[in-house]
Structures are given as structure tokens and as C-alpha cells.
N, C-alpha and C. Protein backbone atom coordinates (compact mmCIF):
# COMPACT_ATOMS: atom_id res chain seq x y z
N MET A 1 74.60 81.14 103.50
CA MET A 1 75.29 80.97 104.76
C MET A 1 76.71 81.55 104.69
N ARG A 2 77.38 81.34 103.58
CA ARG A 2 78.73 81.87 103.38
C ARG A 2 78.73 83.40 103.43
N THR A 3 77.71 83.99 102.83
CA THR A 3 77.59 85.45 102.82
C THR A 3 77.52 85.99 104.24
N LEU A 4 76.70 85.38 105.05
CA LEU A 4 76.55 85.82 106.44
C LEU A 4 77.87 85.70 107.19
N LYS A 5 78.58 84.62 106.96
CA LYS A 5 79.86 84.39 107.63
C LYS A 5 80.89 85.45 107.21
N VAL A 6 80.96 85.73 105.92
CA VAL A 6 81.93 86.70 105.41
C VAL A 6 81.60 88.10 105.94
N LEU A 7 80.33 88.49 105.88
CA LEU A 7 79.95 89.83 106.36
C LEU A 7 80.13 89.96 107.86
N THR A 8 79.84 88.92 108.60
CA THR A 8 80.02 88.96 110.06
C THR A 8 81.50 89.10 110.40
N ARG A 9 82.34 88.36 109.69
CA ARG A 9 83.79 88.44 109.93
C ARG A 9 84.31 89.84 109.60
N SER A 10 83.87 90.41 108.49
CA SER A 10 84.36 91.74 108.10
C SER A 10 83.86 92.80 109.09
N LEU A 11 82.63 92.66 109.54
CA LEU A 11 82.07 93.61 110.50
C LEU A 11 82.80 93.49 111.85
N PHE A 12 83.05 92.27 112.28
CA PHE A 12 83.78 92.06 113.53
C PHE A 12 85.16 92.69 113.45
N PHE A 13 85.87 92.46 112.35
CA PHE A 13 87.19 93.03 112.18
C PHE A 13 87.13 94.56 112.17
N SER A 14 86.13 95.11 111.49
CA SER A 14 85.99 96.57 111.42
C SER A 14 85.79 97.17 112.80
N TYR A 15 84.95 96.56 113.59
CA TYR A 15 84.69 97.09 114.93
C TYR A 15 85.84 96.86 115.88
N LEU A 16 86.56 95.77 115.72
CA LEU A 16 87.75 95.54 116.54
C LEU A 16 88.80 96.60 116.24
N LEU A 17 89.03 96.86 114.96
CA LEU A 17 89.97 97.90 114.56
C LEU A 17 89.52 99.27 115.07
N SER A 18 88.24 99.57 114.94
CA SER A 18 87.72 100.84 115.44
C SER A 18 87.95 100.99 116.93
N ALA A 19 87.69 99.92 117.68
CA ALA A 19 87.87 99.97 119.13
C ALA A 19 89.32 100.27 119.49
N LEU A 20 90.24 99.60 118.81
CA LEU A 20 91.66 99.83 119.09
C LEU A 20 92.08 101.25 118.74
N LEU A 21 91.67 101.71 117.57
CA LEU A 21 92.06 103.05 117.13
C LEU A 21 91.39 104.14 117.96
N LEU A 22 90.13 103.95 118.32
CA LEU A 22 89.44 104.95 119.15
C LEU A 22 90.03 104.99 120.56
N THR A 23 90.47 103.85 121.06
CA THR A 23 91.14 103.83 122.36
C THR A 23 92.44 104.62 122.28
N GLY A 24 93.19 104.42 121.21
CA GLY A 24 94.41 105.20 121.01
C GLY A 24 94.12 106.69 120.87
N LEU A 25 93.05 107.02 120.19
CA LEU A 25 92.66 108.42 120.05
C LEU A 25 92.28 109.02 121.39
N ALA A 26 91.55 108.26 122.21
CA ALA A 26 91.17 108.75 123.54
C ALA A 26 92.42 108.99 124.38
N PHE A 27 93.38 108.10 124.28
CA PHE A 27 94.64 108.29 124.99
C PHE A 27 95.34 109.56 124.50
N GLY A 28 95.37 109.74 123.18
CA GLY A 28 95.99 110.94 122.62
C GLY A 28 95.26 112.21 123.04
N LEU A 29 93.96 112.15 123.11
CA LEU A 29 93.17 113.30 123.56
C LEU A 29 93.51 113.64 124.99
N PHE A 30 93.60 112.64 125.82
CA PHE A 30 93.92 112.83 127.23
C PHE A 30 95.36 113.31 127.40
N GLN A 31 96.29 112.69 126.71
CA GLN A 31 97.71 112.95 126.90
C GLN A 31 98.16 114.27 126.26
N PHE A 32 97.65 114.55 125.05
CA PHE A 32 98.18 115.67 124.28
C PHE A 32 97.20 116.84 124.14
N LYS A 33 96.06 116.74 124.78
CA LYS A 33 95.06 117.81 124.76
C LYS A 33 94.75 118.26 123.33
N LEU A 34 94.33 117.31 122.50
CA LEU A 34 94.02 117.59 121.09
C LEU A 34 92.78 118.46 120.98
N SER A 35 92.72 119.26 119.93
CA SER A 35 91.57 120.13 119.70
C SER A 35 90.38 119.30 119.20
N PRO A 36 89.16 119.77 119.47
CA PRO A 36 87.97 119.03 119.02
C PRO A 36 87.91 118.83 117.51
N SER A 37 88.41 119.76 116.72
CA SER A 37 88.37 119.60 115.27
C SER A 37 89.31 118.47 114.83
N ARG A 38 90.45 118.35 115.47
CA ARG A 38 91.36 117.25 115.14
C ARG A 38 90.77 115.91 115.54
N VAL A 39 90.11 115.89 116.69
CA VAL A 39 89.50 114.65 117.16
C VAL A 39 88.38 114.23 116.21
N SER A 40 87.56 115.17 115.79
CA SER A 40 86.46 114.88 114.87
C SER A 40 87.00 114.33 113.55
N GLY A 41 88.03 114.96 113.02
CA GLY A 41 88.64 114.48 111.79
C GLY A 41 89.25 113.10 111.95
N ALA A 42 89.86 112.86 113.10
CA ALA A 42 90.45 111.54 113.36
C ALA A 42 89.37 110.46 113.46
N VAL A 43 88.24 110.79 114.06
CA VAL A 43 87.14 109.82 114.17
C VAL A 43 86.62 109.47 112.77
N TYR A 44 86.46 110.48 111.92
CA TYR A 44 86.04 110.20 110.53
C TYR A 44 87.07 109.32 109.83
N GLY A 45 88.34 109.60 110.06
CA GLY A 45 89.40 108.79 109.46
C GLY A 45 89.37 107.35 109.95
N ILE A 46 89.08 107.17 111.23
CA ILE A 46 88.97 105.82 111.80
C ILE A 46 87.79 105.08 111.17
N TYR A 47 86.66 105.77 111.02
CA TYR A 47 85.51 105.15 110.34
C TYR A 47 85.90 104.72 108.93
N ALA A 48 86.58 105.61 108.22
CA ALA A 48 86.95 105.32 106.83
C ALA A 48 87.90 104.13 106.74
N LEU A 49 88.92 104.12 107.58
CA LEU A 49 89.89 103.02 107.55
C LEU A 49 89.23 101.70 107.94
N SER A 50 88.40 101.73 108.97
CA SER A 50 87.72 100.51 109.42
C SER A 50 86.79 99.96 108.34
N CYS A 51 86.04 100.83 107.71
CA CYS A 51 85.13 100.37 106.65
C CYS A 51 85.89 99.93 105.42
N PHE A 52 86.99 100.60 105.10
CA PHE A 52 87.81 100.19 103.96
C PHE A 52 88.32 98.76 104.17
N LEU A 53 88.89 98.50 105.33
CA LEU A 53 89.45 97.17 105.58
C LEU A 53 88.35 96.12 105.72
N GLY A 54 87.20 96.51 106.28
CA GLY A 54 86.07 95.59 106.33
C GLY A 54 85.56 95.27 104.94
N GLY A 55 85.48 96.28 104.08
CA GLY A 55 85.08 96.07 102.68
C GLY A 55 86.08 95.21 101.93
N LEU A 56 87.36 95.40 102.23
CA LEU A 56 88.40 94.59 101.62
C LEU A 56 88.21 93.11 102.00
N LEU A 57 87.97 92.85 103.26
CA LEU A 57 87.74 91.48 103.71
C LEU A 57 86.48 90.89 103.08
N ALA A 58 85.41 91.69 103.03
CA ALA A 58 84.16 91.20 102.44
C ALA A 58 84.34 90.91 100.95
N GLY A 59 85.00 91.81 100.24
CA GLY A 59 85.23 91.62 98.81
C GLY A 59 86.10 90.41 98.52
N LYS A 60 87.15 90.25 99.29
CA LYS A 60 88.04 89.09 99.09
C LYS A 60 87.32 87.79 99.45
N GLY A 61 86.47 87.86 100.46
CA GLY A 61 85.75 86.65 100.88
C GLY A 61 84.69 86.22 99.89
N MET A 62 84.05 87.17 99.22
CA MET A 62 82.96 86.83 98.30
C MET A 62 83.44 86.60 96.87
N LYS A 63 84.52 87.24 96.48
CA LYS A 63 85.17 87.06 95.17
C LYS A 63 84.40 87.59 93.96
N THR A 64 83.09 87.67 93.98
CA THR A 64 82.32 88.24 92.87
C THR A 64 81.55 89.44 93.39
N ARG A 65 81.32 90.42 92.52
CA ARG A 65 80.61 91.65 92.88
C ARG A 65 81.20 92.26 94.15
N ARG A 66 82.51 92.35 94.14
CA ARG A 66 83.24 92.78 95.33
C ARG A 66 82.85 94.18 95.78
N PHE A 67 82.62 95.09 94.84
CA PHE A 67 82.21 96.45 95.21
C PHE A 67 80.90 96.41 96.00
N PHE A 68 79.98 95.53 95.59
CA PHE A 68 78.69 95.42 96.28
C PHE A 68 78.87 94.92 97.71
N TRP A 69 79.71 93.90 97.89
CA TRP A 69 79.91 93.35 99.23
C TRP A 69 80.68 94.31 100.11
N GLY A 70 81.57 95.08 99.53
CA GLY A 70 82.24 96.14 100.29
C GLY A 70 81.25 97.20 100.73
N LEU A 71 80.37 97.59 99.82
CA LEU A 71 79.32 98.55 100.15
C LEU A 71 78.41 98.00 101.24
N ALA A 72 78.04 96.73 101.13
CA ALA A 72 77.19 96.10 102.14
C ALA A 72 77.88 96.10 103.50
N SER A 73 79.18 95.83 103.51
CA SER A 73 79.94 95.85 104.75
C SER A 73 79.93 97.25 105.38
N GLY A 74 80.15 98.27 104.56
CA GLY A 74 80.11 99.65 105.06
C GLY A 74 78.74 100.04 105.58
N LEU A 75 77.69 99.62 104.88
CA LEU A 75 76.33 99.92 105.33
C LEU A 75 76.01 99.21 106.65
N LEU A 76 76.46 97.97 106.78
CA LEU A 76 76.25 97.25 108.03
C LEU A 76 76.99 97.91 109.18
N TYR A 77 78.21 98.36 108.92
CA TYR A 77 78.99 99.08 109.92
C TYR A 77 78.20 100.30 110.40
N PHE A 78 77.69 101.08 109.45
CA PHE A 78 76.92 102.26 109.80
C PHE A 78 75.64 101.89 110.53
N ALA A 79 74.96 100.83 110.10
CA ALA A 79 73.70 100.43 110.73
C ALA A 79 73.91 100.05 112.19
N VAL A 80 74.98 99.32 112.47
CA VAL A 80 75.27 98.95 113.86
C VAL A 80 75.63 100.20 114.66
N LEU A 81 76.42 101.09 114.07
CA LEU A 81 76.79 102.34 114.73
C LEU A 81 75.55 103.17 115.05
N ALA A 82 74.63 103.28 114.09
CA ALA A 82 73.39 104.04 114.30
C ALA A 82 72.51 103.37 115.35
N ALA A 83 72.41 102.04 115.31
CA ALA A 83 71.58 101.32 116.28
C ALA A 83 72.12 101.50 117.70
N MET A 84 73.43 101.45 117.85
CA MET A 84 74.02 101.67 119.17
C MET A 84 73.79 103.10 119.65
N SER A 85 73.87 104.04 118.74
CA SER A 85 73.61 105.43 119.09
C SER A 85 72.16 105.62 119.55
N ILE A 86 71.24 104.97 118.85
CA ILE A 86 69.84 105.07 119.23
C ILE A 86 69.62 104.46 120.61
N LEU A 87 70.22 103.30 120.86
CA LEU A 87 70.05 102.63 122.16
C LEU A 87 70.68 103.41 123.30
N LEU A 88 71.86 103.94 123.10
CA LEU A 88 72.58 104.61 124.17
C LEU A 88 72.14 106.06 124.38
N ASN A 89 71.71 106.72 123.31
CA ASN A 89 71.38 108.15 123.41
C ASN A 89 69.90 108.45 123.22
N SER A 90 69.09 107.45 123.15
CA SER A 90 67.65 107.62 122.92
C SER A 90 67.38 108.39 121.63
N GLY A 91 68.14 108.12 120.59
CA GLY A 91 67.95 108.76 119.29
C GLY A 91 69.27 108.99 118.60
N LEU A 92 69.19 109.44 117.37
CA LEU A 92 70.40 109.68 116.58
C LEU A 92 70.98 111.07 116.78
N GLY A 93 70.26 111.93 117.43
CA GLY A 93 70.74 113.30 117.61
C GLY A 93 70.13 114.21 116.56
N ASN A 94 70.49 115.47 116.63
CA ASN A 94 69.89 116.47 115.76
C ASN A 94 70.78 116.88 114.59
N ASP A 95 72.00 116.39 114.53
CA ASP A 95 72.92 116.81 113.49
C ASP A 95 72.85 115.87 112.28
N THR A 96 71.90 116.15 111.41
CA THR A 96 71.67 115.32 110.23
C THR A 96 72.85 115.36 109.27
N GLN A 97 73.52 116.48 109.19
CA GLN A 97 74.65 116.60 108.27
C GLN A 97 75.78 115.64 108.67
N LYS A 98 76.08 115.54 109.95
CA LYS A 98 77.12 114.60 110.40
C LYS A 98 76.69 113.16 110.16
N LEU A 99 75.41 112.89 110.36
CA LEU A 99 74.89 111.55 110.13
C LEU A 99 75.05 111.14 108.67
N ILE A 100 74.71 112.03 107.77
CA ILE A 100 74.85 111.76 106.33
C ILE A 100 76.32 111.65 105.95
N THR A 101 77.17 112.47 106.56
CA THR A 101 78.60 112.40 106.29
C THR A 101 79.16 111.05 106.69
N VAL A 102 78.81 110.58 107.88
CA VAL A 102 79.31 109.27 108.35
C VAL A 102 78.77 108.16 107.46
N LEU A 103 77.50 108.24 107.07
CA LEU A 103 76.92 107.24 106.17
C LEU A 103 77.71 107.20 104.85
N GLY A 104 77.98 108.37 104.29
CA GLY A 104 78.74 108.44 103.04
C GLY A 104 80.15 107.89 103.19
N ILE A 105 80.82 108.24 104.29
CA ILE A 105 82.17 107.74 104.53
C ILE A 105 82.15 106.22 104.61
N CYS A 106 81.21 105.67 105.36
CA CYS A 106 81.14 104.22 105.52
C CYS A 106 80.84 103.53 104.19
N MET A 107 79.90 104.05 103.43
CA MET A 107 79.53 103.43 102.16
C MET A 107 80.68 103.48 101.16
N VAL A 108 81.23 104.66 100.97
CA VAL A 108 82.27 104.84 99.95
C VAL A 108 83.53 104.07 100.30
N SER A 109 83.98 104.19 101.55
CA SER A 109 85.22 103.51 101.91
C SER A 109 85.03 101.98 101.91
N GLY A 110 83.87 101.50 102.30
CA GLY A 110 83.60 100.05 102.21
C GLY A 110 83.61 99.59 100.76
N MET A 111 82.99 100.36 99.88
CA MET A 111 82.93 99.99 98.47
C MET A 111 84.33 100.02 97.84
N VAL A 112 85.11 101.05 98.14
CA VAL A 112 86.48 101.13 97.62
C VAL A 112 87.31 99.96 98.15
N GLY A 113 87.12 99.63 99.43
CA GLY A 113 87.83 98.50 100.00
C GLY A 113 87.45 97.20 99.31
N GLY A 114 86.19 97.05 98.97
CA GLY A 114 85.75 95.85 98.26
C GLY A 114 86.38 95.72 96.89
N MET A 115 86.64 96.84 96.24
CA MET A 115 87.22 96.81 94.90
C MET A 115 88.73 96.71 94.91
N ALA A 116 89.34 96.97 96.07
CA ALA A 116 90.83 96.96 96.15
C ALA A 116 91.40 95.56 96.06
């Protein structure tokens, strides 16, 4: 039960942070006419920061095997992101390379956050 509570809290925090940062990015895109490559890089950075801090919360909450719980937090973040994409877009899309990149970013940054 404690595991579920810790992972839910870390996931909630990760998505709250993502929502705030993505809203700021959307404002910046609108206000400053940012290029698509900068926006794409910023989105990856937001994923990484959100998963890192979610992994940090999960690792601190579980206290043992922190890297594993950080990794689990990053994987859950990606799973929810993928599930929402499937629901809203009727599939994950055709760009497998971006999908694998986001999965890797979420896993690695969550795991590093868990170990921090």
C-alpha cells in the first residue's frame, strides 16, 4: 500500500510540474515565436526534469532500491503519457524513434532522480 501511495504521489507531482512547464512553453511559443526545434528540445527537457523530480520523490519515499523506484516512476510517467496519446490520437503515431527517445528519457531521468 505504501508503494502505491509513494508512486502515485511522485507521478502526480511529475504531471503537475509538466503541466506548469508546458503551459509556460506554450506561452513562450505564442509570445516569442520559437522555432519547432527549440520547442521539441524544450519538451524533452520538461520530460526529463519531471521524471527526475518524480524519481527523486519515489526514491526518497521508498528509501531502499531507490534507483528501481525512480525507474518505476519514469516508466509510469511514460505509460500514462502513451495511454493518453493512444486515447486522444487513436494510436501512438508513426514516429517510433521519438517514442523510444521519450521512453529512454523518462526511464533514465527517473532512475537518476531515484539515486540522487
